[in-house]
PDB file of N, CA and C in Angstrom:
ATOM      1  N   MET A   1       8.911 301.373 137.746  1.00  0.00           N
ATOM      2  CA  MET A   1       8.376 300.061 138.014  1.00  0.00           C
ATOM      3  C   MET A   1       6.846 300.048 138.028  1.00  0.00           C
ATOM      4  N   SER A   2       6.204 301.176 137.751  1.00  0.00           N
ATOM      5  CA  SER A   2       4.750 301.180 137.780  1.00  0.00           C
ATOM      6  C   SER A   2       4.202 300.570 136.504  1.00  0.00           C
ATOM      7  N   LYS A   3       3.069 299.912 136.625  1.00  0.00           N
ATOM      8  CA  LYS A   3       2.414 299.290 135.486  1.00  0.00           C
ATOM      9  C   LYS A   3       1.766 300.371 134.620  1.00  0.00           C
ATOM     10  N   GLU A   4       1.641 300.088 133.353  1.00  0.00           N
ATOM     11  CA  GLU A   4       0.985 301.000 132.428  1.00  0.00           C
ATOM     12  C   GLU A   4      -0.367 300.424 132.038  1.00  0.00           C
ATOM     13  N   PHE A   5      -1.357 301.297 131.918  1.00  0.00           N
ATOM     14  CA  PHE A   5      -2.696 300.898 131.539  1.00  0.00           C
ATOM     15  C   PHE A   5      -3.150 301.777 130.383  1.00  0.00           C
ATOM     16  N   THR A   6      -4.031 301.236 129.572  1.00  0.00           N
ATOM     17  CA  THR A   6      -4.581 301.980 128.443  1.00  0.00           C
ATOM     18  C   THR A   6      -5.818 302.736 128.913  1.00  0.00           C
ATOM     19  N   ILE A   7      -5.947 303.994 128.498  1.00  0.00           N
ATOM     20  CA  ILE A   7      -7.127 304.785 128.829  1.00  0.00           C
ATOM     21  C   ILE A   7      -8.354 304.061 128.277  1.00  0.00           C
ATOM     22  N   GLY A   8      -9.365 303.872 129.110  1.00  0.00           N
ATOM     23  CA  GLY A   8     -10.575 303.169 128.703  1.00  0.00           C
ATOM     24  C   GLY A   8     -10.560 301.684 129.018  1.00  0.00           C
ATOM     25  N   SER A   9      -9.412 301.154 129.468  1.00  0.00           N
ATOM     26  CA  SER A   9      -9.343 299.728 129.787  1.00  0.00           C
ATOM     27  C   SER A   9      -9.961 299.455 131.164  1.00  0.00           C
ATOM     28  N   LYS A  10     -10.345 298.204 131.372  1.00  0.00           N
ATOM     29  CA  LYS A  10     -10.932 297.802 132.654  1.00  0.00           C
ATOM     30  C   LYS A  10      -9.836 297.314 133.581  1.00  0.00           C
ATOM     31  N   VAL A  11      -9.961 297.692 134.858  1.00  0.00           N
ATOM     32  CA  VAL A  11      -9.015 297.258 135.878  1.00  0.00           C
ATOM     33  C   VAL A  11      -9.783 296.741 137.092  1.00  0.00           C
ATOM     34  N   ARG A  12      -9.080 295.961 137.929  1.00  0.00           N
ATOM     35  CA  ARG A  12      -9.664 295.396 139.140  1.00  0.00           C
ATOM     36  C   ARG A  12      -8.792 295.781 140.329  1.00  0.00           C
ATOM     37  N   VAL A  13      -9.419 296.077 141.460  1.00  0.00           N
ATOM     38  CA  VAL A  13      -8.697 296.402 142.692  1.00  0.00           C
ATOM     39  C   VAL A  13      -8.154 295.106 143.289  1.00  0.00           C
ATOM     40  N   VAL A  14      -6.831 295.028 143.488  1.00  0.00           N
ATOM     41  CA  VAL A  14      -6.209 293.827 144.044  1.00  0.00           C
ATOM     42  C   VAL A  14      -5.749 294.026 145.481  1.00  0.00           C
ATOM     43  N   ALA A  15      -5.674 295.263 145.926  1.00  0.00           N
ATOM     44  CA  ALA A  15      -5.308 295.586 147.314  1.00  0.00           C
ATOM     45  C   ALA A  15      -5.895 296.956 147.631  1.00  0.00           C
ATOM     46  N   LEU A  16      -6.257 297.150 148.891  1.00  0.00           N
ATOM     47  CA  LEU A  16      -6.821 298.441 149.297  1.00  0.00           C
ATOM     48  C   LEU A  16      -5.739 299.323 149.914  1.00  0.00           C
ATOM     49  N   PRO A  17      -5.652 300.574 149.475  1.00  0.00           N
ATOM     50  CA  PRO A  17      -4.696 301.498 150.085  1.00  0.00           C
ATOM     51  C   PRO A  17      -5.210 301.947 151.449  1.00  0.00           C
ATOM     52  N   PRO A  18      -4.375 302.610 152.248  1.00  0.00           N
ATOM     53  CA  PRO A  18      -4.814 303.091 153.561  1.00  0.00           C
ATOM     54  C   PRO A  18      -5.920 304.142 153.447  1.00  0.00           C
ATOM     55  N   TYR A  19      -5.968 304.837 152.324  1.00  0.00           N
ATOM     56  CA  TYR A  19      -7.012 305.822 152.026  1.00  0.00           C
ATOM     57  C   TYR A  19      -7.066 305.968 150.515  1.00  0.00           C
ATOM     58  N   VAL A  20      -8.132 306.553 149.992  1.00  0.00           N
ATOM     59  CA  VAL A  20      -8.219 306.825 148.550  1.00  0.00           C
ATOM     60  C   VAL A  20      -8.455 308.313 148.338  1.00  0.00           C
ATOM     61  N   LYS A  21      -7.982 308.809 147.214  1.00  0.00           N
ATOM     62  CA  LYS A  21      -8.199 310.213 146.839  1.00  0.00           C
ATOM     63  C   LYS A  21      -9.283 310.257 145.772  1.00  0.00           C
ATOM     64  N   THR A  22     -10.144 311.247 145.874  1.00  0.00           N
ATOM     65  CA  THR A  22     -11.127 311.445 144.816  1.00  0.00           C
ATOM     66  C   THR A  22     -10.412 312.024 143.600  1.00  0.00           C
ATOM     67  N   ALA A  23     -10.988 311.832 142.420  1.00  0.00           N
ATOM     68  CA  ALA A  23     -10.383 312.342 141.189  1.00  0.00           C
ATOM     69  C   ALA A  23     -10.940 313.711 140.815  1.00  0.00           C
ATOM     70  N   ASP A  24     -11.367 314.465 141.815  1.00  0.00           N
ATOM     71  CA  ASP A  24     -11.886 315.811 141.605  1.00  0.00           C
ATOM     72  C   ASP A  24     -10.734 316.781 141.326  1.00  0.00           C
ATOM     73  N   PRO A  25     -11.036 317.983 140.804  1.00  0.00           N
ATOM     74  CA  PRO A  25      -9.967 318.973 140.592  1.00  0.00           C
ATOM     75  C   PRO A  25      -9.205 319.276 141.891  1.00  0.00           C
ATOM     76  N   MET A  26      -9.893 319.236 143.031  1.00  0.00           N
ATOM     77  CA  MET A  26      -9.247 319.366 144.339  1.00  0.00           C
ATOM     78  C   MET A  26      -9.475 318.032 145.064  1.00  0.00           C
ATOM     79  N   PRO A  27      -8.536 317.063 144.907  1.00  0.00           N
ATOM     80  CA  PRO A  27      -8.741 315.732 145.487  1.00  0.00           C
ATOM     81  C   PRO A  27      -8.927 315.781 147.004  1.00  0.00           C
ATOM     82  N   MET A  28      -9.821 314.919 147.484  1.00  0.00           N
ATOM     83  CA  MET A  28     -10.074 314.800 148.923  1.00  0.00           C
ATOM     84  C   MET A  28      -9.810 313.361 149.333  1.00  0.00           C
ATOM     85  N   LEU A  29      -9.330 313.177 150.544  1.00  0.00           N
ATOM     86  CA  LEU A  29      -9.082 311.829 151.047  1.00  0.00           C
ATOM     87  C   LEU A  29     -10.379 311.208 151.540  1.00  0.00           C
ATOM     88  N   ARG A  30     -10.542 309.934 151.240  1.00  0.00           N
ATOM     89  CA  ARG A  30     -11.705 309.173 151.676  1.00  0.00           C
ATOM     90  C   ARG A  30     -11.217 307.878 152.309  1.00  0.00           C
ATOM     91  N   PRO A  31     -12.030 307.279 153.190  1.00  0.00           N
ATOM     92  CA  PRO A  31     -11.630 305.986 153.765  1.00  0.00           C
ATOM     93  C   PRO A  31     -11.599 304.922 152.662  1.00  0.00           C
ATOM     94  N   PRO A  32     -10.808 303.868 152.840  1.00  0.00           N
ATOM     95  CA  PRO A  32     -10.668 302.872 151.772  1.00  0.00           C
ATOM     96  C   PRO A  32     -11.935 302.054 151.518  1.00  0.00           C
ATOM     97  N   ASP A  33     -12.924 302.112 152.406  1.00  0.00           N
ATOM     98  CA  ASP A  33     -14.118 301.288 152.214  1.00  0.00           C
ATOM     99  C   ASP A  33     -15.098 301.854 151.182  1.00  0.00           C
ATOM    100  N   VAL A  34     -14.748 302.960 150.489  1.00  0.00           N
ATOM    101  CA  VAL A  34     -15.615 303.448 149.412  1.00  0.00           C
ATOM    102  C   VAL A  34     -15.451 302.586 148.154  1.00  0.00           C
ATOM    103  N   ILE A  35     -14.334 301.836 148.095  1.00  0.00           N
ATOM    104  CA  ILE A  35     -14.154 300.832 147.042  1.00  0.00           C
ATOM    105  C   ILE A  35     -13.900 299.496 147.736  1.00  0.00           C
ATOM    106  N   HIS A  36     -14.104 298.417 147.013  1.00  0.00           N
ATOM    107  CA  HIS A  36     -13.959 297.089 147.602  1.00  0.00           C
ATOM    108  C   HIS A  36     -12.933 296.273 146.833  1.00  0.00           C
ATOM    109  N   LEU A  37     -12.307 295.353 147.529  1.00  0.00           N
ATOM    110  CA  LEU A  37     -11.368 294.432 146.914  1.00  0.00           C
ATOM    111  C   LEU A  37     -12.079 293.660 145.809  1.00  0.00           C
ATOM    112  N   GLY A  38     -11.520 293.617 144.627  1.00  0.00           N
ATOM    113  CA  GLY A  38     -12.128 292.933 143.497  1.00  0.00           C
ATOM    114  C   GLY A  38     -13.060 293.798 142.669  1.00  0.00           C
ATOM    115  N   GLU A  39     -13.327 295.030 143.119  1.00  0.00           N
ATOM    116  CA  GLU A  39     -14.206 295.927 142.367  1.00  0.00           C
ATOM    117  C   GLU A  39     -13.539 296.318 141.047  1.00  0.00           C
ATOM    118  N   GLU A  40     -14.353 296.414 139.998  1.00  0.00           N
ATOM    119  CA  GLU A  40     -13.840 296.747 138.680  1.00  0.00           C
ATOM    120  C   GLU A  40     -14.176 298.185 138.309  1.00  0.00           C
ATOM    121  N   GLY A  41     -13.267 298.804 137.573  1.00  0.00           N
ATOM    122  CA  GLY A  41     -13.466 300.168 137.135  1.00  0.00           C
ATOM    123  C   GLY A  41     -12.839 300.393 135.770  1.00  0.00           C
ATOM    124  N   ILE A  42     -13.001 301.601 135.247  1.00  0.00           N
ATOM    125  CA  ILE A  42     -12.470 301.961 133.934  1.00  0.00           C
ATOM    126  C   ILE A  42     -11.450 303.083 134.096  1.00  0.00           C
ATOM    127  N   VAL A  43     -10.292 302.916 133.471  1.00  0.00           N
ATOM    128  CA  VAL A  43      -9.218 303.911 133.543  1.00  0.00           C
ATOM    129  C   VAL A  43      -9.645 305.166 132.786  1.00  0.00           C
ATOM    130  N   LEU A  44      -9.628 306.301 133.490  1.00  0.00           N
ATOM    131  CA  LEU A  44      -9.995 307.583 132.888  1.00  0.00           C
ATOM    132  C   LEU A  44      -8.783 308.331 132.356  1.00  0.00           C
ATOM    133  N   ASP A  45      -7.699 308.361 133.157  1.00  0.00           N
ATOM    134  CA  ASP A  45      -6.512 309.106 132.761  1.00  0.00           C
ATOM    135  C   ASP A  45      -5.341 308.782 133.668  1.00  0.00           C
ATOM    136  N   ARG A  46      -4.174 309.317 133.286  1.00  0.00           N
ATOM    137  CA  ARG A  46      -2.952 309.193 134.083  1.00  0.00           C
ATOM    138  C   ARG A  46      -2.730 310.533 134.764  1.00  0.00           C
ATOM    139  N   ARG A  47      -2.423 310.522 136.051  1.00  0.00           N
ATOM    140  CA  ARG A  47      -2.209 311.760 136.803  1.00  0.00           C
ATOM    141  C   ARG A  47      -0.760 311.855 137.283  1.00  0.00           C
ATOM    142  N   PRO A  48      -0.319 313.059 137.621  1.00  0.00           N
ATOM    143  CA  PRO A  48       1.036 313.221 138.169  1.00  0.00           C
ATOM    144  C   PRO A  48       1.199 312.418 139.464  1.00  0.00           C
ATOM    145  N   GLY A  49       2.417 312.014 139.727  1.00  0.00           N
ATOM    146  CA  GLY A  49       2.701 311.267 140.942  1.00  0.00           C
ATOM    147  C   GLY A  49       2.457 309.777 140.796  1.00  0.00           C
ATOM    148  N   GLY A  50       2.233 309.303 139.567  1.00  0.00           N
ATOM    149  CA  GLY A  50       2.032 307.874 139.343  1.00  0.00           C
ATOM    150  C   GLY A  50       0.628 307.380 139.634  1.00  0.00           C
ATOM    151  N   TYR A  51      -0.325 308.289 139.735  1.00  0.00           N
ATOM    152  CA  TYR A  51      -1.707 307.888 140.014  1.00  0.00           C
ATOM    153  C   TYR A  51      -2.492 307.693 138.725  1.00  0.00           C
ATOM    154  N   TRP A  52      -3.489 306.826 138.800  1.00  0.00           N
ATOM    155  CA  TRP A  52      -4.420 306.591 137.699  1.00  0.00           C
ATOM    156  C   TRP A  52      -5.807 307.018 138.138  1.00  0.00           C
ATOM    157  N   GLY A  53      -6.495 307.779 137.309  1.00  0.00           N
ATOM    158  CA  GLY A  53      -7.887 308.135 137.562  1.00  0.00           C
ATOM    159  C   GLY A  53      -8.762 306.991 137.094  1.00  0.00           C
ATOM    160  N   ILE A  54      -9.579 306.444 137.992  1.00  0.00           N
ATOM    161  CA  ILE A  54     -10.401 305.279 137.674  1.00  0.00           C
ATOM    162  C   ILE A  54     -11.841 305.537 138.092  1.00  0.00           C
ATOM    163  N   ARG A  55     -12.783 305.252 137.187  1.00  0.00           N
ATOM    164  CA  ARG A  55     -14.215 305.414 137.456  1.00  0.00           C
ATOM    165  C   ARG A  55     -14.755 304.101 138.031  1.00  0.00           C
ATOM    166  N   PHE A  56     -15.263 304.179 139.267  1.00  0.00           N
ATOM    167  CA  PHE A  56     -15.916 303.049 139.927  1.00  0.00           C
ATOM    168  C   PHE A  56     -17.397 303.372 140.084  1.00  0.00           C
ATOM    169  N   ALA A  57     -18.168 302.443 140.625  1.00  0.00           N
ATOM    170  CA  ALA A  57     -19.609 302.639 140.804  1.00  0.00           C
ATOM    171  C   ALA A  57     -19.910 303.831 141.711  1.00  0.00           C
ATOM    172  N   LYS A  58     -19.077 304.055 142.735  1.00  0.00           N
ATOM    173  CA  LYS A  58     -19.325 305.139 143.695  1.00  0.00           C
ATOM    174  C   LYS A  58     -18.608 306.434 143.357  1.00  0.00           C
ATOM    175  N   GLY A  59     -17.987 306.508 142.182  1.00  0.00           N
ATOM    176  CA  GLY A  59     -17.305 307.730 141.787  1.00  0.00           C
ATOM    177  C   GLY A  59     -15.941 307.456 141.195  1.00  0.00           C
ATOM    178  N   ALA A  60     -15.215 308.528 140.906  1.00  0.00           N
ATOM    179  CA  ALA A  60     -13.876 308.423 140.321  1.00  0.00           C
ATOM    180  C   ALA A  60     -12.836 308.671 141.412  1.00  0.00           C
ATOM    181  N   PHE A  61     -11.819 307.799 141.442  1.00  0.00           N
ATOM    182  CA  PHE A  61     -10.790 307.878 142.470  1.00  0.00           C
ATOM    183  C   PHE A  61      -9.411 307.734 141.842  1.00  0.00           C
ATOM    184  N   LEU A  62      -8.396 308.206 142.559  1.00  0.00           N
ATOM    185  CA  LEU A  62      -7.010 308.107 142.126  1.00  0.00           C
ATOM    186  C   LEU A  62      -6.344 306.959 142.868  1.00  0.00           C
ATOM    187  N   LEU A  63      -5.788 306.009 142.119  1.00  0.00           N
ATOM    188  CA  LEU A  63      -5.103 304.871 142.729  1.00  0.00           C
ATOM    189  C   LEU A  63      -3.737 304.685 142.083  1.00  0.00           C
ATOM    190  N   ASP A  64      -2.784 304.268 142.891  1.00  0.00           N
ATOM    191  CA  ASP A  64      -1.465 303.915 142.401  1.00  0.00           C
ATOM    192  C   ASP A  64      -1.562 302.564 141.698  1.00  0.00           C
ATOM    193  N   SER A  65      -0.681 302.302 140.739  1.00  0.00           N
ATOM    194  CA  SER A  65      -0.752 301.074 139.956  1.00  0.00           C
ATOM    195  C   SER A  65      -0.557 299.803 140.785  1.00  0.00           C
ATOM    196  N   GLN A  66       0.050 299.898 141.968  1.00  0.00           N
ATOM    197  CA  GLN A  66       0.244 298.702 142.797  1.00  0.00           C
ATOM    198  C   GLN A  66      -1.065 298.164 143.366  1.00  0.00           C
ATOM    199  N   TYR A  67      -2.116 298.964 143.348  1.00  0.00           N
ATOM    200  CA  TYR A  67      -3.400 298.545 143.897  1.00  0.00           C
ATOM    201  C   TYR A  67      -4.376 298.013 142.853  1.00  0.00           C
ATOM    202  N   ILE A  68      -3.977 298.053 141.574  1.00  0.00           N
ATOM    203  CA  ILE A  68      -4.891 297.625 140.511  1.00  0.00           C
ATOM    204  C   ILE A  68      -4.187 296.700 139.529  1.00  0.00           C
ATOM    205  N   GLU A  69      -4.981 295.900 138.806  1.00  0.00           N
ATOM    206  CA  GLU A  69      -4.464 295.064 137.734  1.00  0.00           C
ATOM    207  C   GLU A  69      -5.419 295.162 136.554  1.00  0.00           C
ATOM    208  N   SER A  70      -4.881 294.985 135.356  1.00  0.00           N
ATOM    209  CA  SER A  70      -5.700 295.038 134.151  1.00  0.00           C
ATOM    210  C   SER A  70      -6.491 293.743 134.011  1.00  0.00           C
ATOM    211  N   ILE A  71      -7.737 293.867 133.560  1.00  0.00           N
ATOM    212  CA  ILE A  71      -8.525 292.665 133.283  1.00  0.00           C
ATOM    213  C   ILE A  71      -8.853 292.583 131.795  1.00  0.00           C
ATOM    214  N   ASP A  72      -8.231 293.446 130.979  1.00  0.00           N
ATOM    215  CA  ASP A  72      -8.396 293.417 129.527  1.00  0.00           C
ATOM    216  C   ASP A  72      -7.254 292.682 128.839  1.00  0.00           C
ATOM    217  N   THR A  73      -6.287 292.170 129.590  1.00  0.00           N
ATOM    218  CA  THR A  73      -5.106 291.544 129.010  1.00  0.00           C
ATOM    219  C   THR A  73      -5.444 290.178 128.431  1.00  0.00           C
ATOM    220  N   PRO A  74      -5.063 289.908 127.182  1.00  0.00           N
ATOM    221  CA  PRO A  74      -5.305 288.574 126.620  1.00  0.00           C
ATOM    222  C   PRO A  74      -4.433 287.530 127.304  1.00  0.00           C
ATOM    223  N   THR A  75      -4.945 286.321 127.446  1.00  0.00           N
ATOM    224  CA  THR A  75      -4.215 285.253 128.144  1.00  0.00           C
ATOM    225  C   THR A  75      -3.355 284.434 127.216  1.00  0.00           C
ATOM    226  N   GLU A  76      -3.294 284.747 125.913  1.00  0.00           N
ATOM    227  CA  GLU A  76      -2.521 283.977 124.940  1.00  0.00           C
ATOM    228  C   GLU A  76      -1.029 283.999 125.233  1.00  0.00           C
ATOM    229  N   SER A  77      -0.513 285.057 125.814  1.00  0.00           N
ATOM    230  CA  SER A  77       0.921 285.181 126.055  1.00  0.00           C
ATOM    231  C   SER A  77       1.435 284.135 127.038  1.00  0.00           C
ATOM    232  N   HIS A  78       0.587 283.606 127.909  1.00  0.00           N
ATOM    233  CA  HIS A  78       1.028 282.596 128.877  1.00  0.00           C
ATOM    234  C   HIS A  78       1.365 281.289 128.176  1.00  0.00           C
ATOM    235  N   THR A  79       0.713 280.940 127.080  1.00  0.00           N
ATOM    236  CA  THR A  79       0.996 279.690 126.390  1.00  0.00           C
ATOM    237  C   THR A  79       2.311 279.760 125.626  1.00  0.00           C
ATOM    238  N   ASP A  80       2.772 280.939 125.274  1.00  0.00           N
ATOM    239  CA  ASP A  80       4.040 281.083 124.554  1.00  0.00           C
ATOM    240  C   ASP A  80       5.243 280.751 125.426  1.00  0.00           C
ATOM    241  N   LEU A  81       5.089 280.847 126.746  1.00  0.00           N
ATOM    242  CA  LEU A  81       6.200 280.597 127.652  1.00  0.00           C
ATOM    243  C   LEU A  81       6.449 279.116 127.910  1.00  0.00           C
ATOM    244  N   GLU A  82       5.501 278.277 127.583  1.00  0.00           N
ATOM    245  CA  GLU A  82       5.637 276.838 127.871  1.00  0.00           C
ATOM    246  C   GLU A  82       6.428 276.108 126.820  1.00  0.00           C
TER     247      GLU A  82
END
């Protein structure tokens, strides 16, 4: 049920997790206030466990797909449903 994103696409934070993991080779937990609701980032890669590596202004972090949404999606598909 996890969303799929394209490497290099832009995403936006839609909810803050209880903590965030850094995207370092040895991930470390950080408080959720290192990123902000609505902050935009670029997808770097897909990681094990359903995490996405995302580059934000303050660094690269691992987030589950439930906390992010794509902002590169074309809006044309909504008119086809009407």
